[in-house]
Amino acid sequence: MECRKLELTIISANDLRKVRRLFKMKVYAKVFIGGNQEMEKRTPVDNHGQTNPAWNYTMKYSISESWLKHHGTMLVIKLYCKRKLGDRYIGEVHQPLKQLYDYAYPLGGSAVVWFPVQMGSVESQGKLCFSYRFGEKVAIEKLMLAESIASFLVTGPVGAI
């Protein structure tokens, strides 16, 4: 089976819907691919930007080549406002991986894009900016071996003292 590395950088958002009246908005993003909860990753909380947060936070994924050929595999980025009494939903961006790949492929496999933030099926307020880069196609066995070697170099052998 073949796959590709996907490097996704959540850069910033502009003019988000204000969901707090009394205190500052502290915004973070949750990223899902293909509806898989195990692949969820989060940005750190932006404590200063309020309705214009900036993260410039990079996440790395291994994407099955078959996911890039299927129109139904979605990249979903959900925005939340951090609160002590439960985080408040701001909105989200949905984009098919195939569409992102097809757009970036002629550009060398990477792109910087802006998408409107949605709330359900209605366009909410604001836009989200992110960049992404698809790596070369590799056999999953080679990718797993490379990741194991990198992990060993960082952490050392398992059980080492």
N, C-alpha and C. Protein backbone atom coordinates (compact mmCIF):
# COMPACT_ATOMS: atom_id res chain seq x y z
N MET A 1 0.85 -1.18 0.00
CA MET A 1 0.00 0.00 0.00
C MET A 1 0.90 1.24 0.00
N GLU A 2 0.43 2.27 -0.69
CA GLU A 2 1.21 3.49 -0.80
C GLU A 2 0.55 4.63 -0.03
N CYS A 3 1.38 5.55 0.42
CA CYS A 3 0.86 6.71 1.14
C CYS A 3 1.76 7.92 0.89
N ARG A 4 1.32 9.05 1.40
CA ARG A 4 2.07 10.30 1.28
C ARG A 4 2.10 10.97 2.65
N LYS A 5 3.14 11.72 2.87
CA LYS A 5 3.20 12.58 4.05
C LYS A 5 2.42 13.85 3.73
N LEU A 6 1.67 14.33 4.69
CA LEU A 6 0.98 15.61 4.58
C LEU A 6 1.46 16.48 5.72
N GLU A 7 2.01 17.63 5.37
CA GLU A 7 2.44 18.61 6.37
C GLU A 7 1.46 19.77 6.30
N LEU A 8 0.71 19.97 7.38
CA LEU A 8 -0.35 20.98 7.43
C LEU A 8 0.03 22.03 8.47
N THR A 9 0.03 23.29 8.06
CA THR A 9 0.33 24.39 8.99
C THR A 9 -0.89 25.28 9.11
N ILE A 10 -1.46 25.31 10.31
CA ILE A 10 -2.59 26.21 10.58
C ILE A 10 -1.96 27.57 10.90
N ILE A 11 -2.18 28.53 10.01
CA ILE A 11 -1.48 29.81 10.12
C ILE A 11 -2.26 30.79 10.99
N SER A 12 -3.48 31.14 10.56
CA SER A 12 -4.23 32.17 11.28
C SER A 12 -5.70 32.15 10.86
N ALA A 13 -6.49 32.95 11.55
CA ALA A 13 -7.88 33.20 11.18
C ALA A 13 -8.14 34.69 11.33
N ASN A 14 -9.08 35.20 10.57
CA ASN A 14 -9.40 36.63 10.62
C ASN A 14 -10.89 36.83 10.78
N ASP A 15 -11.26 37.84 11.56
CA ASP A 15 -12.64 38.29 11.70
C ASP A 15 -13.60 37.18 12.13
N LEU A 16 -13.18 36.36 13.11
CA LEU A 16 -14.04 35.29 13.60
C LEU A 16 -15.23 35.87 14.37
N ARG A 17 -16.28 35.07 14.42
CA ARG A 17 -17.48 35.42 15.19
C ARG A 17 -17.09 35.50 16.67
N LYS A 18 -17.45 36.60 17.32
CA LYS A 18 -17.13 36.78 18.74
C LYS A 18 -18.10 35.95 19.58
N VAL A 19 -17.57 35.00 20.35
CA VAL A 19 -18.42 34.11 21.15
C VAL A 19 -18.32 34.37 22.65
N ARG A 20 -17.56 35.38 23.04
CA ARG A 20 -17.45 35.76 24.46
C ARG A 20 -17.78 37.23 24.60
N ARG A 21 -18.56 37.53 25.62
CA ARG A 21 -18.95 38.93 25.86
C ARG A 21 -18.03 39.63 26.86
N LEU A 22 -17.67 38.93 27.93
CA LEU A 22 -16.96 39.58 29.03
C LEU A 22 -15.44 39.40 29.00
N PHE A 23 -14.97 38.27 28.53
CA PHE A 23 -13.55 37.98 28.60
C PHE A 23 -12.95 37.83 27.20
N LYS A 24 -11.62 37.78 27.16
CA LYS A 24 -10.92 37.63 25.88
C LYS A 24 -11.19 36.26 25.27
N MET A 25 -11.27 36.23 23.96
CA MET A 25 -11.37 34.95 23.25
C MET A 25 -9.97 34.34 23.17
N LYS A 26 -9.89 33.07 23.52
CA LYS A 26 -8.65 32.30 23.43
C LYS A 26 -8.96 31.13 22.50
N VAL A 27 -8.48 31.20 21.27
CA VAL A 27 -8.93 30.31 20.21
C VAL A 27 -7.89 29.22 19.90
N TYR A 28 -8.39 28.01 19.65
CA TYR A 28 -7.56 26.92 19.18
C TYR A 28 -8.31 26.17 18.08
N ALA A 29 -7.58 25.34 17.35
CA ALA A 29 -8.17 24.56 16.25
C ALA A 29 -7.95 23.07 16.49
N LYS A 30 -8.97 22.27 16.16
CA LYS A 30 -8.88 20.81 16.15
C LYS A 30 -8.90 20.39 14.69
N VAL A 31 -8.01 19.48 14.31
CA VAL A 31 -7.92 19.03 12.93
C VAL A 31 -8.22 17.53 12.87
N PHE A 32 -9.13 17.16 11.95
CA PHE A 32 -9.49 15.77 11.71
C PHE A 32 -9.29 15.47 10.23
N ILE A 33 -8.91 14.23 9.92
CA ILE A 33 -8.82 13.81 8.53
C ILE A 33 -9.65 12.54 8.38
N GLY A 34 -10.56 12.57 7.42
CA GLY A 34 -11.38 11.41 7.13
C GLY A 34 -12.30 11.00 8.26
N GLY A 35 -12.65 11.92 9.16
CA GLY A 35 -13.53 11.60 10.27
C GLY A 35 -12.90 10.70 11.31
N ASN A 36 -11.61 10.46 11.22
CA ASN A 36 -10.91 9.55 12.12
C ASN A 36 -10.50 10.30 13.39
N GLN A 37 -11.16 9.97 14.51
CA GLN A 37 -10.87 10.64 15.79
C GLN A 37 -9.44 10.39 16.25
N GLU A 38 -8.86 9.24 15.87
CA GLU A 38 -7.50 8.92 16.28
C GLU A 38 -6.48 9.84 15.61
N MET A 39 -6.85 10.44 14.50
CA MET A 39 -5.93 11.34 13.79
C MET A 39 -6.12 12.79 14.22
N GLU A 40 -6.92 13.03 15.26
CA GLU A 40 -7.16 14.41 15.71
C GLU A 40 -5.88 15.01 16.28
N LYS A 41 -5.62 16.24 15.86
CA LYS A 41 -4.50 17.01 16.41
C LYS A 41 -5.03 18.41 16.72
N ARG A 42 -4.36 19.11 17.63
CA ARG A 42 -4.79 20.44 18.04
C ARG A 42 -3.65 21.43 17.97
N THR A 43 -4.02 22.67 17.71
CA THR A 43 -3.05 23.76 17.81
C THR A 43 -2.97 24.18 19.27
N PRO A 44 -1.94 24.90 19.64
CA PRO A 44 -1.95 25.53 20.96
C PRO A 44 -3.03 26.63 20.97
N VAL A 45 -3.42 27.07 22.15
CA VAL A 45 -4.40 28.14 22.29
C VAL A 45 -3.71 29.47 22.00
N ASP A 46 -4.34 30.31 21.15
CA ASP A 46 -3.85 31.67 20.92
C ASP A 46 -4.49 32.54 22.00
N ASN A 47 -3.69 33.10 22.88
CA ASN A 47 -4.20 33.89 24.01
C ASN A 47 -4.32 35.38 23.71
N HIS A 48 -3.87 35.83 22.55
CA HIS A 48 -3.78 37.27 22.32
C HIS A 48 -4.60 37.79 21.15
N GLY A 49 -4.80 36.99 20.12
CA GLY A 49 -5.40 37.49 18.88
C GLY A 49 -6.90 37.69 18.93
N GLN A 50 -7.59 37.06 19.90
CA GLN A 50 -9.04 37.14 20.05
C GLN A 50 -9.76 36.71 18.76
N THR A 51 -10.38 37.62 18.02
CA THR A 51 -11.09 37.23 16.80
C THR A 51 -10.16 37.13 15.59
N ASN A 52 -8.88 37.40 15.81
CA ASN A 52 -7.86 37.27 14.75
C ASN A 52 -6.67 36.45 15.26
N PRO A 53 -6.91 35.19 15.61
CA PRO A 53 -5.82 34.38 16.19
C PRO A 53 -4.77 34.01 15.15
N ALA A 54 -3.56 33.76 15.64
CA ALA A 54 -2.46 33.29 14.80
C ALA A 54 -1.75 32.15 15.53
N TRP A 55 -1.48 31.07 14.82
CA TRP A 55 -0.83 29.92 15.43
C TRP A 55 0.49 29.59 14.74
N ASN A 56 0.49 29.53 13.42
CA ASN A 56 1.65 29.09 12.65
C ASN A 56 2.15 27.74 13.19
N TYR A 57 1.22 26.81 13.37
CA TYR A 57 1.48 25.52 14.00
C TYR A 57 1.41 24.41 12.95
N THR A 58 2.46 23.60 12.88
CA THR A 58 2.56 22.54 11.87
C THR A 58 2.23 21.17 12.46
N MET A 59 1.46 20.41 11.69
CA MET A 59 1.08 19.04 12.05
C MET A 59 1.47 18.13 10.89
N LYS A 60 1.87 16.91 11.21
CA LYS A 60 2.28 15.97 10.17
C LYS A 60 1.39 14.73 10.22
N TYR A 61 0.98 14.28 9.03
CA TYR A 61 0.13 13.11 8.88
C TYR A 61 0.70 12.20 7.81
N SER A 62 0.36 10.91 7.90
CA SER A 62 0.60 9.95 6.83
C SER A 62 -0.75 9.64 6.22
N ILE A 63 -0.89 9.92 4.93
CA ILE A 63 -2.18 9.81 4.24
C ILE A 63 -2.12 8.67 3.22
N SER A 64 -3.08 7.78 3.30
CA SER A 64 -3.18 6.69 2.32
C SER A 64 -3.43 7.29 0.93
N GLU A 65 -2.76 6.74 -0.06
CA GLU A 65 -2.93 7.22 -1.43
C GLU A 65 -4.39 7.09 -1.88
N SER A 66 -5.09 6.07 -1.39
CA SER A 66 -6.50 5.88 -1.77
C SER A 66 -7.37 7.02 -1.24
N TRP A 67 -6.98 7.64 -0.13
CA TRP A 67 -7.75 8.76 0.41
C TRP A 67 -7.69 9.96 -0.54
N LEU A 68 -6.59 10.10 -1.26
CA LEU A 68 -6.44 11.24 -2.18
C LEU A 68 -7.24 11.05 -3.46
N LYS A 69 -7.68 9.84 -3.72
CA LYS A 69 -8.47 9.57 -4.92
C LYS A 69 -9.96 9.58 -4.64
N HIS A 70 -10.34 9.64 -3.38
CA HIS A 70 -11.75 9.55 -2.99
C HIS A 70 -12.26 10.93 -2.63
N HIS A 71 -13.33 11.37 -3.29
CA HIS A 71 -13.87 12.71 -3.04
C HIS A 71 -14.45 12.88 -1.65
N GLY A 72 -14.77 11.80 -0.97
CA GLY A 72 -15.43 11.89 0.33
C GLY A 72 -14.50 12.05 1.51
N THR A 73 -13.19 11.91 1.34
CA THR A 73 -12.27 12.04 2.46
C THR A 73 -12.02 13.53 2.72
N MET A 74 -12.44 13.97 3.89
CA MET A 74 -12.41 15.40 4.20
C MET A 74 -11.33 15.77 5.22
N LEU A 75 -10.76 16.94 5.02
CA LEU A 75 -9.95 17.61 6.02
C LEU A 75 -10.92 18.54 6.74
N VAL A 76 -11.04 18.39 8.06
CA VAL A 76 -11.96 19.21 8.85
C VAL A 76 -11.15 19.94 9.91
N ILE A 77 -11.30 21.26 9.94
CA ILE A 77 -10.64 22.09 10.95
C ILE A 77 -11.73 22.81 11.72
N LYS A 78 -11.86 22.49 13.01
CA LYS A 78 -12.89 23.10 13.85
C LYS A 78 -12.23 24.09 14.80
N LEU A 79 -12.83 25.26 14.92
CA LEU A 79 -12.31 26.32 15.79
C LEU A 79 -13.14 26.41 17.06
N TYR A 80 -12.44 26.55 18.20
CA TYR A 80 -13.09 26.64 19.50
C TYR A 80 -12.48 27.77 20.31
N CYS A 81 -13.30 28.31 21.21
CA CYS A 81 -12.85 29.30 22.18
C CYS A 81 -12.69 28.59 23.51
N LYS A 82 -11.50 28.63 24.08
CA LYS A 82 -11.21 27.98 25.36
C LYS A 82 -11.90 28.72 26.50
N ARG A 83 -12.64 27.94 27.34
CA ARG A 83 -13.31 28.51 28.51
C ARG A 83 -13.23 27.54 29.66
N LYS A 84 -13.32 28.04 30.89
CA LYS A 84 -13.29 27.18 32.07
C LYS A 84 -14.55 26.33 32.18
N LEU A 85 -15.67 26.84 31.74
CA LEU A 85 -16.94 26.12 31.86
C LEU A 85 -17.29 25.36 30.58
N GLY A 86 -16.31 24.96 29.84
CA GLY A 86 -16.54 24.24 28.59
C GLY A 86 -16.24 25.13 27.40
N ASP A 87 -15.52 24.58 26.45
CA ASP A 87 -15.10 25.35 25.28
C ASP A 87 -16.29 25.63 24.38
N ARG A 88 -16.27 26.79 23.73
CA ARG A 88 -17.37 27.21 22.87
C ARG A 88 -16.96 27.07 21.40
N TYR A 89 -17.84 26.45 20.64
CA TYR A 89 -17.64 26.23 19.21
C TYR A 89 -17.76 27.55 18.46
N ILE A 90 -16.84 27.80 17.53
CA ILE A 90 -16.86 29.02 16.71
C ILE A 90 -17.32 28.71 15.29
N GLY A 91 -16.75 27.67 14.70
CA GLY A 91 -17.08 27.31 13.33
C GLY A 91 -16.04 26.35 12.79
N GLU A 92 -16.16 26.01 11.49
CA GLU A 92 -15.25 25.02 10.92
C GLU A 92 -15.08 25.19 9.42
N VAL A 93 -14.04 24.52 8.93
CA VAL A 93 -13.74 24.49 7.50
C VAL A 93 -13.68 23.02 7.10
N HIS A 94 -14.37 22.66 6.01
CA HIS A 94 -14.35 21.32 5.43
C HIS A 94 -13.80 21.41 4.02
N GLN A 95 -12.79 20.60 3.71
CA GLN A 95 -12.25 20.56 2.36
C GLN A 95 -11.89 19.13 2.01
N PRO A 96 -12.31 18.66 0.83
CA PRO A 96 -11.92 17.31 0.40
C PRO A 96 -10.40 17.24 0.17
N LEU A 97 -9.76 16.18 0.67
CA LEU A 97 -8.32 16.01 0.46
C LEU A 97 -7.99 15.96 -1.03
N LYS A 98 -8.84 15.31 -1.80
CA LYS A 98 -8.60 15.21 -3.26
C LYS A 98 -8.54 16.60 -3.89
N GLN A 99 -9.45 17.47 -3.50
CA GLN A 99 -9.47 18.83 -4.05
C GLN A 99 -8.20 19.60 -3.65
N LEU A 100 -7.77 19.46 -2.40
CA LEU A 100 -6.55 20.12 -1.97
C LEU A 100 -5.34 19.59 -2.74
N TYR A 101 -5.29 18.26 -2.90
CA TYR A 101 -4.18 17.65 -3.63
C TYR A 101 -4.17 18.10 -5.10
N ASP A 102 -5.35 18.06 -5.74
CA ASP A 102 -5.44 18.45 -7.15
C ASP A 102 -5.05 19.91 -7.35
N TYR A 103 -5.36 20.77 -6.38
CA TYR A 103 -5.01 22.18 -6.47
C TYR A 103 -3.49 22.37 -6.31
N ALA A 104 -2.89 21.64 -5.37
CA ALA A 104 -1.48 21.84 -5.05
C ALA A 104 -0.53 21.12 -6.00
N TYR A 105 -0.97 20.03 -6.61
CA TYR A 105 -0.08 19.20 -7.43
C TYR A 105 0.64 20.01 -8.52
N PRO A 106 -0.07 20.85 -9.31
CA PRO A 106 0.64 21.64 -10.32
C PRO A 106 1.58 22.70 -9.73
N LEU A 107 1.39 23.02 -8.46
CA LEU A 107 2.22 24.03 -7.80
C LEU A 107 3.40 23.40 -7.07
N GLY A 108 3.69 22.13 -7.33
CA GLY A 108 4.80 21.46 -6.66
C GLY A 108 4.37 20.71 -5.41
N GLY A 109 3.08 20.56 -5.20
CA GLY A 109 2.57 19.79 -4.06
C GLY A 109 2.26 20.59 -2.82
N SER A 110 2.41 21.92 -2.88
CA SER A 110 2.11 22.72 -1.70
C SER A 110 1.34 23.98 -2.08
N ALA A 111 0.62 24.52 -1.11
CA ALA A 111 -0.18 25.72 -1.36
C ALA A 111 -0.51 26.40 -0.04
N VAL A 112 -0.84 27.67 -0.11
CA VAL A 112 -1.38 28.45 1.00
C VAL A 112 -2.78 28.86 0.59
N VAL A 113 -3.77 28.58 1.44
CA VAL A 113 -5.16 28.83 1.08
C VAL A 113 -5.92 29.52 2.21
N TRP A 114 -7.00 30.21 1.83
CA TRP A 114 -7.94 30.84 2.75
C TRP A 114 -9.31 30.26 2.48
N PHE A 115 -10.04 29.86 3.51
CA PHE A 115 -11.40 29.36 3.35
C PHE A 115 -12.32 30.03 4.36
N PRO A 116 -13.57 30.28 3.97
CA PRO A 116 -14.53 30.85 4.92
C PRO A 116 -14.85 29.84 6.03
N VAL A 117 -15.04 30.35 7.22
CA VAL A 117 -15.41 29.53 8.37
C VAL A 117 -16.92 29.32 8.32
N GLN A 118 -17.34 28.06 8.40
CA GLN A 118 -18.76 27.70 8.33
C GLN A 118 -19.27 27.37 9.73
N MET A 119 -20.56 27.56 9.92
CA MET A 119 -21.22 27.11 11.14
C MET A 119 -22.41 26.29 10.67
N GLY A 120 -22.24 24.95 10.67
CA GLY A 120 -23.24 24.09 10.04
C GLY A 120 -23.16 24.28 8.54
N SER A 121 -24.29 24.47 7.89
CA SER A 121 -24.28 24.67 6.44
C SER A 121 -24.28 26.16 6.07
N VAL A 122 -24.25 27.02 7.08
CA VAL A 122 -24.29 28.46 6.86
C VAL A 122 -22.90 29.04 7.03
N GLU A 123 -22.51 29.95 6.13
CA GLU A 123 -21.23 30.62 6.29
C GLU A 123 -21.28 31.48 7.53
N SER A 124 -20.34 31.26 8.43
CA SER A 124 -20.27 32.01 9.67
C SER A 124 -19.56 33.32 9.38
N GLN A 125 -18.67 33.68 10.24
CA GLN A 125 -17.92 34.91 10.05
C GLN A 125 -16.45 34.57 10.07
N GLY A 126 -15.67 35.18 9.22
CA GLY A 126 -14.24 35.01 9.24
C GLY A 126 -13.71 34.03 8.22
N LYS A 127 -12.38 34.01 8.13
CA LYS A 127 -11.68 33.12 7.21
C LYS A 127 -10.52 32.47 7.95
N LEU A 128 -10.18 31.26 7.51
CA LEU A 128 -9.07 30.51 8.09
C LEU A 128 -7.99 30.35 7.03
N CYS A 129 -6.75 30.59 7.40
CA CYS A 129 -5.61 30.46 6.50
C CYS A 129 -4.76 29.28 6.95
N PHE A 130 -4.44 28.41 5.99
CA PHE A 130 -3.51 27.33 6.29
C PHE A 130 -2.69 27.00 5.05
N SER A 131 -1.54 26.40 5.29
CA SER A 131 -0.70 25.94 4.19
C SER A 131 -0.57 24.43 4.33
N TYR A 132 -0.27 23.79 3.22
CA TYR A 132 -0.09 22.35 3.26
C TYR A 132 0.89 21.93 2.17
N ARG A 133 1.48 20.76 2.41
CA ARG A 133 2.44 20.21 1.45
C ARG A 133 2.31 18.70 1.46
N PHE A 134 2.10 18.13 0.27
CA PHE A 134 2.06 16.69 0.11
C PHE A 134 3.44 16.21 -0.30
N GLY A 135 3.93 15.16 0.38
CA GLY A 135 5.22 14.57 0.03
C GLY A 135 5.08 13.59 -1.11
N GLU A 136 6.20 13.00 -1.49
CA GLU A 136 6.22 12.01 -2.55
C GLU A 136 5.52 10.73 -2.11
N LYS A 137 5.03 9.99 -3.08
CA LYS A 137 4.38 8.71 -2.81
C LYS A 137 5.43 7.70 -2.38
N VAL A 138 5.18 6.97 -1.26
CA VAL A 138 6.10 5.95 -0.78
C VAL A 138 5.29 4.73 -0.33
N ALA A 139 5.95 3.59 -0.32
CA ALA A 139 5.31 2.39 0.21
C ALA A 139 5.20 2.54 1.72
N ILE A 140 4.10 2.12 2.28
CA ILE A 140 3.87 2.32 3.71
C ILE A 140 4.93 1.62 4.56
N GLU A 141 5.47 0.51 4.07
CA GLU A 141 6.50 -0.20 4.82
C GLU A 141 7.75 0.66 4.97
N LYS A 142 8.14 1.36 3.90
CA LYS A 142 9.31 2.25 3.96
C LYS A 142 9.05 3.42 4.90
N LEU A 143 7.82 3.95 4.87
CA LEU A 143 7.47 5.06 5.74
C LEU A 143 7.52 4.64 7.20
N MET A 144 6.97 3.46 7.51
CA MET A 144 6.97 2.98 8.89
C MET A 144 8.40 2.73 9.37
N LEU A 145 9.27 2.20 8.50
CA LEU A 145 10.66 1.98 8.86
C LEU A 145 11.35 3.31 9.14
N ALA A 146 11.13 4.30 8.28
CA ALA A 146 11.75 5.62 8.48
C ALA A 146 11.28 6.25 9.78
N GLU A 147 9.97 6.13 10.09
CA GLU A 147 9.45 6.69 11.33
C GLU A 147 10.02 5.97 12.55
N SER A 148 10.20 4.64 12.46
CA SER A 148 10.78 3.87 13.56
C SER A 148 12.22 4.29 13.81
N ILE A 149 12.99 4.48 12.74
CA ILE A 149 14.38 4.92 12.89
C ILE A 149 14.44 6.31 13.50
N ALA A 150 13.58 7.21 13.04
CA ALA A 150 13.57 8.57 13.60
C ALA A 150 13.19 8.54 15.07
N SER A 151 12.21 7.73 15.44
CA SER A 151 11.80 7.61 16.83
C SER A 151 12.93 7.07 17.68
N PHE A 152 13.66 6.06 17.16
CA PHE A 152 14.80 5.48 17.88
C PHE A 152 15.88 6.52 18.12
N LEU A 153 16.15 7.34 17.09
CA LEU A 153 17.20 8.36 17.21
C LEU A 153 16.84 9.42 18.24
N VAL A 154 15.53 9.70 18.38
CA VAL A 154 15.09 10.72 19.33
C VAL A 154 15.00 10.16 20.74
N THR A 155 14.41 8.96 20.89
CA THR A 155 14.12 8.44 22.24
C THR A 155 15.08 7.36 22.69
N GLY A 156 15.85 6.78 21.79
CA GLY A 156 16.73 5.67 22.14
C GLY A 156 15.95 4.36 22.13
N PRO A 157 16.62 3.26 22.42
CA PRO A 157 15.94 1.98 22.40
C PRO A 157 14.90 1.90 23.52
N VAL A 158 13.81 1.20 23.24
CA VAL A 158 12.74 1.04 24.23
C VAL A 158 13.30 0.29 25.43
N GLY A 159 13.01 0.80 26.61
CA GLY A 159 13.46 0.14 27.83
C GLY A 159 14.87 0.55 28.25
N ALA A 160 15.52 1.41 27.48
CA ALA A 160 16.87 1.85 27.84
C ALA A 160 16.84 2.75 29.05
N ILE A 161 17.87 2.68 29.84
CA ILE A 161 17.94 3.51 31.05
C ILE A 161 18.97 4.58 30.88
